[in-house]
Amino acid sequence: MADLNIDGMAIAPGVVETIVSLAARDVNGVVSVGDPTTSGLLTFIAGKPSTDGVEITLGENDELNVAISIHVESGNVLPDLAANVRQAIADAVNTQVGAKVGSVDVYIDGIQFNN
């Protein structure tokens, strides 16, 4: 995705991806965004959250379409958790960027079991 232009302000794609990643991680039950082995290491090395597992495309009417892959803790009701992730991402992008979110596709790629 190229820079997003809103009200005369250009926002790099990595900025929006970071906002999406942080919003998803704040949802109770989400362990990681993307592959947990690489995202944790990249976060440690780079000092910023990894945006691996986040894809953003510009849809009709300048709405953002988000696809996100997450790993979750066991014991969660997955449809409820996905709904919470969708809402958190839409709220964060709307509040911090001022862009409307057309869709958020949540892919649950793994479940972490606690001993």
N, C-alpha and C. Protein backbone atom coordinates (compact mmCIF):
# COMPACT_ATOMS: atom_id res chain seq x y z
N MET A 1 0.85 -1.18 0.00
CA MET A 1 0.00 0.00 0.00
C MET A 1 0.89 1.23 0.00
N ALA A 2 0.54 2.21 -0.81
CA ALA A 2 1.26 3.48 -0.85
C ALA A 2 0.87 4.32 0.35
N ASP A 3 1.51 5.47 0.47
CA ASP A 3 1.15 6.37 1.57
C ASP A 3 -0.35 6.63 1.56
N LEU A 4 -0.92 6.72 2.75
CA LEU A 4 -2.33 7.04 2.92
C LEU A 4 -2.43 8.54 3.13
N ASN A 5 -3.24 9.22 2.32
CA ASN A 5 -3.40 10.66 2.43
C ASN A 5 -4.75 11.00 3.02
N ILE A 6 -4.74 11.63 4.20
CA ILE A 6 -5.97 12.02 4.88
C ILE A 6 -5.84 13.48 5.28
N ASP A 7 -6.74 14.31 4.78
CA ASP A 7 -6.77 15.73 5.13
C ASP A 7 -5.40 16.39 5.00
N GLY A 8 -4.71 16.12 3.89
CA GLY A 8 -3.43 16.76 3.64
C GLY A 8 -2.27 16.18 4.43
N MET A 9 -2.47 15.04 5.07
CA MET A 9 -1.42 14.39 5.86
C MET A 9 -1.11 13.04 5.23
N ALA A 10 0.15 12.77 4.92
CA ALA A 10 0.57 11.49 4.35
C ALA A 10 1.04 10.58 5.49
N ILE A 11 0.51 9.37 5.50
CA ILE A 11 0.85 8.39 6.54
C ILE A 11 1.44 7.17 5.84
N ALA A 12 2.63 6.79 6.23
CA ALA A 12 3.29 5.62 5.65
C ALA A 12 2.55 4.35 6.05
N PRO A 13 2.55 3.34 5.18
CA PRO A 13 1.84 2.10 5.48
C PRO A 13 2.31 1.44 6.78
N GLY A 14 3.58 1.50 7.06
CA GLY A 14 4.11 0.89 8.28
C GLY A 14 3.52 1.47 9.54
N VAL A 15 3.14 2.73 9.50
CA VAL A 15 2.53 3.38 10.66
C VAL A 15 1.17 2.77 10.95
N VAL A 16 0.36 2.62 9.91
CA VAL A 16 -0.98 2.04 10.09
C VAL A 16 -0.86 0.58 10.53
N GLU A 17 0.07 -0.15 9.94
CA GLU A 17 0.27 -1.55 10.32
C GLU A 17 0.68 -1.66 11.79
N THR A 18 1.51 -0.75 12.27
CA THR A 18 1.91 -0.76 13.67
C THR A 18 0.71 -0.48 14.57
N ILE A 19 -0.13 0.47 14.21
CA ILE A 19 -1.33 0.77 14.99
C ILE A 19 -2.23 -0.45 15.06
N VAL A 20 -2.41 -1.13 13.93
CA VAL A 20 -3.24 -2.34 13.88
C VAL A 20 -2.65 -3.43 14.78
N SER A 21 -1.35 -3.64 14.67
CA SER A 21 -0.68 -4.68 15.47
C SER A 21 -0.80 -4.41 16.96
N LEU A 22 -0.57 -3.18 17.37
CA LEU A 22 -0.68 -2.82 18.79
C LEU A 22 -2.11 -2.95 19.30
N ALA A 23 -3.08 -2.55 18.50
CA ALA A 23 -4.49 -2.66 18.91
C ALA A 23 -4.88 -4.11 19.12
N ALA A 24 -4.44 -4.99 18.22
CA ALA A 24 -4.76 -6.41 18.35
C ALA A 24 -4.09 -7.02 19.58
N ARG A 25 -2.85 -6.65 19.82
CA ARG A 25 -2.13 -7.20 20.98
C ARG A 25 -2.74 -6.78 22.31
N ASP A 26 -3.43 -5.64 22.32
CA ASP A 26 -4.06 -5.16 23.54
C ASP A 26 -5.33 -5.92 23.90
N VAL A 27 -5.83 -6.72 22.98
CA VAL A 27 -7.06 -7.49 23.25
C VAL A 27 -6.71 -8.68 24.15
N ASN A 28 -7.47 -8.82 25.22
CA ASN A 28 -7.25 -9.92 26.15
C ASN A 28 -7.44 -11.26 25.43
N GLY A 29 -6.44 -12.13 25.51
CA GLY A 29 -6.49 -13.44 24.87
C GLY A 29 -5.60 -13.55 23.66
N VAL A 30 -5.14 -12.41 23.12
CA VAL A 30 -4.24 -12.44 21.97
C VAL A 30 -2.81 -12.58 22.49
N VAL A 31 -2.12 -13.62 22.02
CA VAL A 31 -0.74 -13.87 22.43
C VAL A 31 0.23 -13.09 21.56
N SER A 32 0.00 -13.15 20.24
CA SER A 32 0.91 -12.46 19.32
C SER A 32 0.22 -12.21 18.00
N VAL A 33 0.81 -11.31 17.24
CA VAL A 33 0.39 -11.03 15.87
C VAL A 33 1.45 -11.63 14.97
N GLY A 34 1.02 -12.40 13.97
CA GLY A 34 1.98 -13.07 13.10
C GLY A 34 2.57 -14.28 13.80
N ASP A 35 3.74 -14.69 13.37
CA ASP A 35 4.42 -15.84 13.94
C ASP A 35 5.03 -15.45 15.28
N PRO A 36 4.64 -16.09 16.38
CA PRO A 36 5.13 -15.66 17.69
C PRO A 36 6.64 -15.81 17.88
N THR A 37 7.27 -16.75 17.17
CA THR A 37 8.71 -16.93 17.34
C THR A 37 9.49 -15.79 16.70
N THR A 38 9.06 -15.35 15.52
CA THR A 38 9.80 -14.27 14.86
C THR A 38 9.36 -12.90 15.35
N SER A 39 8.07 -12.73 15.69
CA SER A 39 7.61 -11.40 16.09
C SER A 39 8.24 -10.98 17.42
N GLY A 40 8.40 -11.90 18.34
CA GLY A 40 9.03 -11.56 19.62
C GLY A 40 10.49 -11.19 19.46
N LEU A 41 11.20 -11.92 18.61
CA LEU A 41 12.61 -11.65 18.36
C LEU A 41 12.79 -10.32 17.64
N LEU A 42 11.96 -10.07 16.63
CA LEU A 42 12.05 -8.81 15.90
C LEU A 42 11.72 -7.62 16.79
N THR A 43 10.73 -7.78 17.66
CA THR A 43 10.38 -6.71 18.58
C THR A 43 11.55 -6.41 19.50
N PHE A 44 12.21 -7.45 19.98
CA PHE A 44 13.35 -7.26 20.87
C PHE A 44 14.51 -6.58 20.15
N ILE A 45 14.83 -7.03 18.95
CA ILE A 45 15.97 -6.48 18.21
C ILE A 45 15.68 -5.06 17.70
N ALA A 46 14.53 -4.87 17.09
CA ALA A 46 14.22 -3.58 16.47
C ALA A 46 13.72 -2.55 17.47
N GLY A 47 13.25 -3.00 18.62
CA GLY A 47 12.74 -2.06 19.62
C GLY A 47 11.36 -1.53 19.28
N LYS A 48 10.70 -2.13 18.31
CA LYS A 48 9.34 -1.73 17.96
C LYS A 48 8.56 -2.99 17.59
N PRO A 49 7.24 -2.94 17.68
CA PRO A 49 6.45 -4.13 17.40
C PRO A 49 6.56 -4.57 15.94
N SER A 50 6.59 -5.87 15.75
CA SER A 50 6.61 -6.41 14.40
C SER A 50 5.24 -6.26 13.77
N THR A 51 5.22 -5.98 12.47
CA THR A 51 3.95 -5.89 11.76
C THR A 51 3.76 -7.12 10.87
N ASP A 52 4.56 -8.15 11.11
CA ASP A 52 4.40 -9.41 10.40
C ASP A 52 3.00 -9.95 10.73
N GLY A 53 2.27 -10.37 9.74
CA GLY A 53 0.92 -10.87 9.97
C GLY A 53 -0.16 -9.83 9.78
N VAL A 54 0.21 -8.62 9.35
CA VAL A 54 -0.76 -7.56 9.11
C VAL A 54 -0.68 -7.15 7.64
N GLU A 55 -1.82 -7.15 6.98
CA GLU A 55 -1.88 -6.70 5.59
C GLU A 55 -3.01 -5.69 5.46
N ILE A 56 -2.72 -4.56 4.85
CA ILE A 56 -3.71 -3.50 4.69
C ILE A 56 -3.82 -3.14 3.22
N THR A 57 -5.06 -3.08 2.75
CA THR A 57 -5.32 -2.65 1.38
C THR A 57 -6.35 -1.53 1.40
N LEU A 58 -6.28 -0.68 0.40
CA LEU A 58 -7.22 0.43 0.28
C LEU A 58 -8.40 -0.03 -0.57
N GLY A 59 -9.59 0.05 0.01
CA GLY A 59 -10.79 -0.40 -0.69
C GLY A 59 -11.59 0.74 -1.27
N GLU A 60 -12.84 0.44 -1.58
CA GLU A 60 -13.73 1.45 -2.12
C GLU A 60 -13.97 2.56 -1.10
N ASN A 61 -14.23 3.74 -1.59
CA ASN A 61 -14.51 4.91 -0.74
C ASN A 61 -13.38 5.19 0.25
N ASP A 62 -12.16 4.85 -0.12
CA ASP A 62 -10.97 5.08 0.71
C ASP A 62 -11.05 4.41 2.08
N GLU A 63 -11.77 3.31 2.16
CA GLU A 63 -11.81 2.54 3.41
C GLU A 63 -10.64 1.56 3.41
N LEU A 64 -10.10 1.32 4.60
CA LEU A 64 -9.00 0.38 4.74
C LEU A 64 -9.56 -1.01 5.01
N ASN A 65 -9.01 -2.00 4.32
CA ASN A 65 -9.35 -3.39 4.56
C ASN A 65 -8.13 -4.04 5.21
N VAL A 66 -8.35 -4.63 6.37
CA VAL A 66 -7.27 -5.18 7.17
C VAL A 66 -7.40 -6.69 7.23
N ALA A 67 -6.28 -7.38 7.06
CA ALA A 67 -6.19 -8.82 7.30
C ALA A 67 -5.10 -9.01 8.35
N ILE A 68 -5.41 -9.76 9.39
CA ILE A 68 -4.46 -9.94 10.48
C ILE A 68 -4.45 -11.40 10.93
N SER A 69 -3.25 -11.93 11.14
CA SER A 69 -3.06 -13.28 11.64
C SER A 69 -2.61 -13.20 13.09
N ILE A 70 -3.29 -13.94 13.95
CA ILE A 70 -2.96 -13.89 15.38
C ILE A 70 -2.83 -15.29 15.97
N HIS A 71 -2.15 -15.36 17.09
CA HIS A 71 -2.11 -16.55 17.94
C HIS A 71 -2.81 -16.17 19.24
N VAL A 72 -3.60 -17.09 19.78
CA VAL A 72 -4.43 -16.79 20.94
C VAL A 72 -4.17 -17.79 22.07
N GLU A 73 -4.58 -17.39 23.28
CA GLU A 73 -4.51 -18.28 24.44
C GLU A 73 -5.67 -19.26 24.37
N SER A 74 -5.44 -20.48 24.84
CA SER A 74 -6.53 -21.45 24.87
C SER A 74 -7.57 -21.01 25.90
N GLY A 75 -8.79 -21.51 25.74
CA GLY A 75 -9.85 -21.20 26.67
C GLY A 75 -10.70 -20.01 26.28
N ASN A 76 -10.38 -19.38 25.17
CA ASN A 76 -11.17 -18.24 24.69
C ASN A 76 -12.24 -18.71 23.71
N VAL A 77 -13.35 -18.01 23.69
CA VAL A 77 -14.38 -18.25 22.68
C VAL A 77 -13.91 -17.52 21.43
N LEU A 78 -13.51 -18.27 20.42
CA LEU A 78 -12.84 -17.68 19.27
C LEU A 78 -13.67 -16.66 18.50
N PRO A 79 -14.96 -16.90 18.25
CA PRO A 79 -15.73 -15.84 17.56
C PRO A 79 -15.81 -14.54 18.37
N ASP A 80 -15.92 -14.65 19.68
CA ASP A 80 -15.95 -13.44 20.53
C ASP A 80 -14.60 -12.73 20.50
N LEU A 81 -13.52 -13.50 20.57
CA LEU A 81 -12.18 -12.92 20.54
C LEU A 81 -11.94 -12.21 19.21
N ALA A 82 -12.34 -12.84 18.10
CA ALA A 82 -12.18 -12.22 16.78
C ALA A 82 -12.99 -10.93 16.69
N ALA A 83 -14.20 -10.93 17.25
CA ALA A 83 -15.03 -9.72 17.24
C ALA A 83 -14.37 -8.61 18.05
N ASN A 84 -13.76 -8.95 19.17
CA ASN A 84 -13.05 -7.95 19.99
C ASN A 84 -11.85 -7.39 19.24
N VAL A 85 -11.13 -8.25 18.52
CA VAL A 85 -9.98 -7.80 17.73
C VAL A 85 -10.46 -6.86 16.62
N ARG A 86 -11.53 -7.22 15.94
CA ARG A 86 -12.07 -6.37 14.87
C ARG A 86 -12.42 -4.98 15.41
N GLN A 87 -13.12 -4.96 16.54
CA GLN A 87 -13.56 -3.70 17.13
C GLN A 87 -12.37 -2.85 17.58
N ALA A 88 -11.39 -3.48 18.21
CA ALA A 88 -10.20 -2.76 18.69
C ALA A 88 -9.43 -2.14 17.53
N ILE A 89 -9.29 -2.87 16.44
CA ILE A 89 -8.56 -2.36 15.28
C ILE A 89 -9.33 -1.21 14.63
N ALA A 90 -10.63 -1.38 14.43
CA ALA A 90 -11.43 -0.32 13.81
C ALA A 90 -11.40 0.95 14.65
N ASP A 91 -11.53 0.80 15.97
CA ASP A 91 -11.50 1.97 16.86
C ASP A 91 -10.13 2.66 16.82
N ALA A 92 -9.05 1.88 16.88
CA ALA A 92 -7.70 2.45 16.91
C ALA A 92 -7.39 3.19 15.62
N VAL A 93 -7.71 2.59 14.49
CA VAL A 93 -7.42 3.23 13.20
C VAL A 93 -8.26 4.49 13.03
N ASN A 94 -9.52 4.42 13.39
CA ASN A 94 -10.39 5.58 13.26
C ASN A 94 -9.93 6.71 14.18
N THR A 95 -9.59 6.39 15.41
CA THR A 95 -9.17 7.41 16.38
C THR A 95 -7.81 8.00 16.05
N GLN A 96 -6.83 7.14 15.75
CA GLN A 96 -5.45 7.61 15.60
C GLN A 96 -5.11 8.11 14.21
N VAL A 97 -5.80 7.60 13.20
CA VAL A 97 -5.48 7.96 11.82
C VAL A 97 -6.59 8.79 11.18
N GLY A 98 -7.81 8.56 11.61
CA GLY A 98 -8.94 9.26 11.02
C GLY A 98 -9.47 8.57 9.79
N ALA A 99 -9.07 7.33 9.57
CA ALA A 99 -9.53 6.57 8.40
C ALA A 99 -10.61 5.59 8.82
N LYS A 100 -11.51 5.33 7.89
CA LYS A 100 -12.55 4.34 8.13
C LYS A 100 -12.03 2.96 7.75
N VAL A 101 -12.45 1.97 8.53
CA VAL A 101 -12.07 0.59 8.26
C VAL A 101 -13.27 -0.10 7.63
N GLY A 102 -13.07 -0.63 6.43
CA GLY A 102 -14.15 -1.32 5.72
C GLY A 102 -14.34 -2.73 6.22
N SER A 103 -13.24 -3.45 6.44
CA SER A 103 -13.32 -4.82 6.91
C SER A 103 -12.06 -5.18 7.68
N VAL A 104 -12.22 -6.12 8.61
CA VAL A 104 -11.08 -6.68 9.33
C VAL A 104 -11.25 -8.20 9.30
N ASP A 105 -10.39 -8.86 8.56
CA ASP A 105 -10.40 -10.32 8.50
C ASP A 105 -9.38 -10.84 9.50
N VAL A 106 -9.86 -11.64 10.45
CA VAL A 106 -9.01 -12.17 11.51
C VAL A 106 -8.73 -13.65 11.22
N TYR A 107 -7.46 -14.00 11.14
CA TYR A 107 -7.03 -15.37 10.92
C TYR A 107 -6.36 -15.86 12.19
N ILE A 108 -6.93 -16.88 12.82
CA ILE A 108 -6.34 -17.44 14.03
C ILE A 108 -5.43 -18.57 13.57
N ASP A 109 -4.12 -18.30 13.66
CA ASP A 109 -3.12 -19.25 13.15
C ASP A 109 -2.60 -20.21 14.20
N GLY A 110 -2.92 -19.98 15.45
CA GLY A 110 -2.43 -20.89 16.47
C GLY A 110 -3.05 -20.60 17.83
N ILE A 111 -3.00 -21.63 18.68
CA ILE A 111 -3.51 -21.51 20.05
C ILE A 111 -2.39 -21.91 20.99
N GLN A 112 -2.15 -21.08 21.99
CA GLN A 112 -1.14 -21.37 23.01
C GLN A 112 -1.83 -22.00 24.20
N PHE A 113 -1.38 -23.17 24.58
CA PHE A 113 -1.94 -23.87 25.72
C PHE A 113 -1.08 -23.61 26.94
N ASN A 114 -1.74 -23.21 28.02
CA ASN A 114 -1.03 -22.96 29.28
C ASN A 114 -1.03 -24.24 30.09
N ASN A 115 0.07 -24.49 30.76
CA ASN A 115 0.18 -25.71 31.58
C ASN A 115 -0.51 -25.55 32.89
